[in-house]
N, C-alpha and C. Protein backbone atom coordinates (compact mmCIF):
# COMPACT_ATOMS: atom_id res chain seq x y z
N MET A 1 -36.16 -31.72 70.65
CA MET A 1 -36.80 -31.51 71.94
C MET A 1 -37.78 -30.33 71.81
N PRO A 2 -39.03 -30.51 72.25
CA PRO A 2 -40.02 -29.41 72.12
C PRO A 2 -39.67 -28.25 73.03
N PRO A 3 -40.07 -27.04 72.64
CA PRO A 3 -39.79 -25.87 73.49
C PRO A 3 -40.55 -25.95 74.82
N LYS A 4 -39.99 -25.34 75.83
CA LYS A 4 -40.59 -25.31 77.17
C LYS A 4 -41.83 -24.43 77.14
N GLU A 5 -42.91 -24.91 77.74
CA GLU A 5 -44.12 -24.12 77.84
C GLU A 5 -44.38 -23.77 79.30
N TYR A 6 -44.94 -22.61 79.51
CA TYR A 6 -45.27 -22.10 80.83
C TYR A 6 -46.77 -21.84 80.89
N SER A 7 -47.31 -21.73 82.08
CA SER A 7 -48.72 -21.40 82.27
C SER A 7 -48.86 -19.90 82.50
N PHE A 8 -49.84 -19.30 81.83
CA PHE A 8 -50.11 -17.88 81.97
C PHE A 8 -51.58 -17.66 82.26
N LYS A 9 -51.85 -16.64 83.06
CA LYS A 9 -53.22 -16.19 83.29
C LYS A 9 -53.35 -14.85 82.55
N VAL A 10 -54.27 -14.79 81.59
CA VAL A 10 -54.46 -13.59 80.79
C VAL A 10 -55.83 -13.01 81.14
N LYS A 11 -55.85 -11.72 81.50
CA LYS A 11 -57.09 -11.03 81.86
C LYS A 11 -57.33 -9.89 80.89
N GLY A 12 -58.60 -9.59 80.64
CA GLY A 12 -58.91 -8.49 79.75
C GLY A 12 -60.40 -8.22 79.68
N VAL A 13 -60.77 -7.46 78.63
CA VAL A 13 -62.15 -7.06 78.41
C VAL A 13 -62.52 -7.39 76.96
N LEU A 14 -63.69 -7.96 76.79
CA LEU A 14 -64.24 -8.23 75.47
C LEU A 14 -65.34 -7.22 75.21
N ILE A 15 -65.23 -6.45 74.13
CA ILE A 15 -66.24 -5.46 73.76
C ILE A 15 -67.03 -6.02 72.58
N LYS A 16 -68.28 -6.34 72.81
CA LYS A 16 -69.12 -6.95 71.78
C LYS A 16 -69.44 -5.93 70.69
N GLU A 17 -69.33 -6.37 69.45
CA GLU A 17 -69.59 -5.51 68.29
C GLU A 17 -71.06 -5.10 68.22
N LYS A 18 -71.95 -6.04 68.57
CA LYS A 18 -73.39 -5.84 68.41
C LYS A 18 -73.94 -4.67 69.22
N ASP A 19 -73.62 -4.63 70.52
CA ASP A 19 -74.21 -3.60 71.38
C ASP A 19 -73.16 -2.81 72.19
N LYS A 20 -71.88 -3.03 71.91
CA LYS A 20 -70.77 -2.34 72.57
C LYS A 20 -70.71 -2.59 74.07
N SER A 21 -71.36 -3.67 74.54
CA SER A 21 -71.27 -4.01 75.95
C SER A 21 -69.90 -4.63 76.23
N GLU A 22 -69.46 -4.51 77.46
CA GLU A 22 -68.14 -5.00 77.87
C GLU A 22 -68.29 -6.14 78.86
N ASP A 23 -67.47 -7.18 78.66
CA ASP A 23 -67.43 -8.31 79.57
C ASP A 23 -65.97 -8.59 79.92
N ASP A 24 -65.70 -8.74 81.22
CA ASP A 24 -64.35 -9.11 81.64
C ASP A 24 -64.13 -10.59 81.35
N PHE A 25 -62.89 -10.96 81.05
CA PHE A 25 -62.55 -12.36 80.89
C PHE A 25 -61.22 -12.64 81.55
N SER A 26 -61.03 -13.89 81.89
CA SER A 26 -59.79 -14.38 82.47
C SER A 26 -59.62 -15.80 81.98
N ILE A 27 -58.45 -16.12 81.45
CA ILE A 27 -58.22 -17.45 80.88
C ILE A 27 -56.82 -17.92 81.22
N PHE A 28 -56.69 -19.20 81.51
CA PHE A 28 -55.37 -19.81 81.71
C PHE A 28 -54.98 -20.50 80.42
N ILE A 29 -53.71 -20.36 80.05
CA ILE A 29 -53.23 -20.94 78.79
C ILE A 29 -51.77 -21.32 78.92
N SER A 30 -51.35 -22.35 78.21
CA SER A 30 -49.95 -22.76 78.16
C SER A 30 -49.32 -22.19 76.89
N ALA A 31 -48.16 -21.55 77.06
CA ALA A 31 -47.47 -20.93 75.93
C ALA A 31 -45.99 -20.83 76.22
N MET A 32 -45.21 -20.51 75.17
CA MET A 32 -43.76 -20.41 75.32
C MET A 32 -43.33 -19.13 76.04
N ASP A 33 -44.06 -18.03 75.80
CA ASP A 33 -43.77 -16.76 76.47
C ASP A 33 -45.04 -15.93 76.50
N ASP A 34 -44.97 -14.72 77.07
CA ASP A 34 -46.17 -13.91 77.22
C ASP A 34 -46.76 -13.46 75.87
N ASN A 35 -45.91 -13.16 74.89
CA ASN A 35 -46.42 -12.76 73.57
C ASN A 35 -47.17 -13.92 72.90
N HIS A 36 -46.63 -15.11 73.03
CA HIS A 36 -47.28 -16.30 72.47
C HIS A 36 -48.62 -16.53 73.18
N ALA A 37 -48.67 -16.32 74.49
CA ALA A 37 -49.92 -16.49 75.25
C ALA A 37 -50.99 -15.53 74.75
N VAL A 38 -50.64 -14.28 74.53
CA VAL A 38 -51.60 -13.28 74.04
C VAL A 38 -52.11 -13.68 72.66
N MET A 39 -51.21 -14.13 71.80
CA MET A 39 -51.60 -14.55 70.45
C MET A 39 -52.60 -15.71 70.53
N LEU A 40 -52.34 -16.69 71.40
CA LEU A 40 -53.24 -17.84 71.53
C LEU A 40 -54.60 -17.44 72.10
N VAL A 41 -54.61 -16.51 73.06
CA VAL A 41 -55.87 -16.05 73.65
C VAL A 41 -56.69 -15.31 72.61
N ARG A 42 -56.07 -14.43 71.84
CA ARG A 42 -56.79 -13.70 70.80
C ARG A 42 -57.38 -14.66 69.76
N GLU A 43 -56.62 -15.68 69.39
CA GLU A 43 -57.11 -16.69 68.45
C GLU A 43 -58.32 -17.43 69.05
N HIS A 44 -58.23 -17.80 70.32
CA HIS A 44 -59.33 -18.48 70.99
C HIS A 44 -60.59 -17.60 71.01
N LEU A 45 -60.42 -16.33 71.35
CA LEU A 45 -61.56 -15.42 71.41
C LEU A 45 -62.18 -15.22 70.02
N ARG A 46 -61.35 -15.14 69.00
CA ARG A 46 -61.86 -14.95 67.64
C ARG A 46 -62.74 -16.13 67.23
N LYS A 47 -62.38 -17.33 67.68
CA LYS A 47 -63.14 -18.53 67.30
C LYS A 47 -64.36 -18.78 68.19
N HIS A 48 -64.29 -18.42 69.48
CA HIS A 48 -65.30 -18.86 70.43
C HIS A 48 -66.09 -17.76 71.12
N ALA A 49 -65.73 -16.52 70.96
CA ALA A 49 -66.44 -15.43 71.64
C ALA A 49 -67.30 -14.67 70.62
N PRO A 50 -68.27 -13.90 71.10
CA PRO A 50 -69.06 -13.07 70.18
C PRO A 50 -68.14 -12.09 69.44
N LYS A 51 -68.54 -11.71 68.23
CA LYS A 51 -67.73 -10.77 67.44
C LYS A 51 -67.55 -9.47 68.20
N GLY A 52 -66.33 -8.95 68.14
CA GLY A 52 -66.02 -7.70 68.81
C GLY A 52 -64.53 -7.54 68.99
N ASP A 53 -64.15 -6.64 69.85
CA ASP A 53 -62.75 -6.36 70.12
C ASP A 53 -62.36 -6.89 71.50
N SER A 54 -61.08 -7.21 71.65
CA SER A 54 -60.59 -7.63 72.95
C SER A 54 -59.44 -6.72 73.37
N ILE A 55 -59.42 -6.39 74.64
CA ILE A 55 -58.35 -5.57 75.22
C ILE A 55 -57.72 -6.39 76.33
N ILE A 56 -56.43 -6.67 76.19
CA ILE A 56 -55.70 -7.42 77.20
C ILE A 56 -55.27 -6.44 78.29
N LYS A 57 -55.68 -6.69 79.52
CA LYS A 57 -55.36 -5.78 80.63
C LYS A 57 -54.23 -6.30 81.51
N GLY A 58 -53.97 -7.61 81.47
CA GLY A 58 -52.91 -8.14 82.32
C GLY A 58 -52.54 -9.55 81.93
N ILE A 59 -51.30 -9.88 82.16
CA ILE A 59 -50.82 -11.23 81.92
C ILE A 59 -49.90 -11.59 83.08
N GLU A 60 -50.07 -12.79 83.60
CA GLU A 60 -49.32 -13.21 84.78
C GLU A 60 -48.78 -14.61 84.54
N LYS A 61 -47.48 -14.79 84.70
CA LYS A 61 -46.87 -16.11 84.56
C LYS A 61 -47.08 -16.85 85.87
N LYS A 62 -47.67 -18.04 85.77
CA LYS A 62 -47.94 -18.85 86.94
C LYS A 62 -46.79 -19.83 87.14
N SER A 63 -46.41 -20.08 88.38
CA SER A 63 -45.31 -21.01 88.65
C SER A 63 -45.77 -22.45 88.41
N ASP A 64 -44.86 -23.26 87.93
CA ASP A 64 -45.17 -24.66 87.64
C ASP A 64 -45.11 -25.51 88.87
């Protein structure tokens, strides 16, 4: 039986490497727990966002 997944809203700031500008982001993701959600968001940002650093400012578990 697959593990139960929950919906999370992850909010943070992306700091672009090129010019050090900051952009807020918010993303919904399905994960097993909050640590797994953060790991998935960081992976997504590494693949799809401009190069830079990300700072997670909040995570919220959404009710199903």
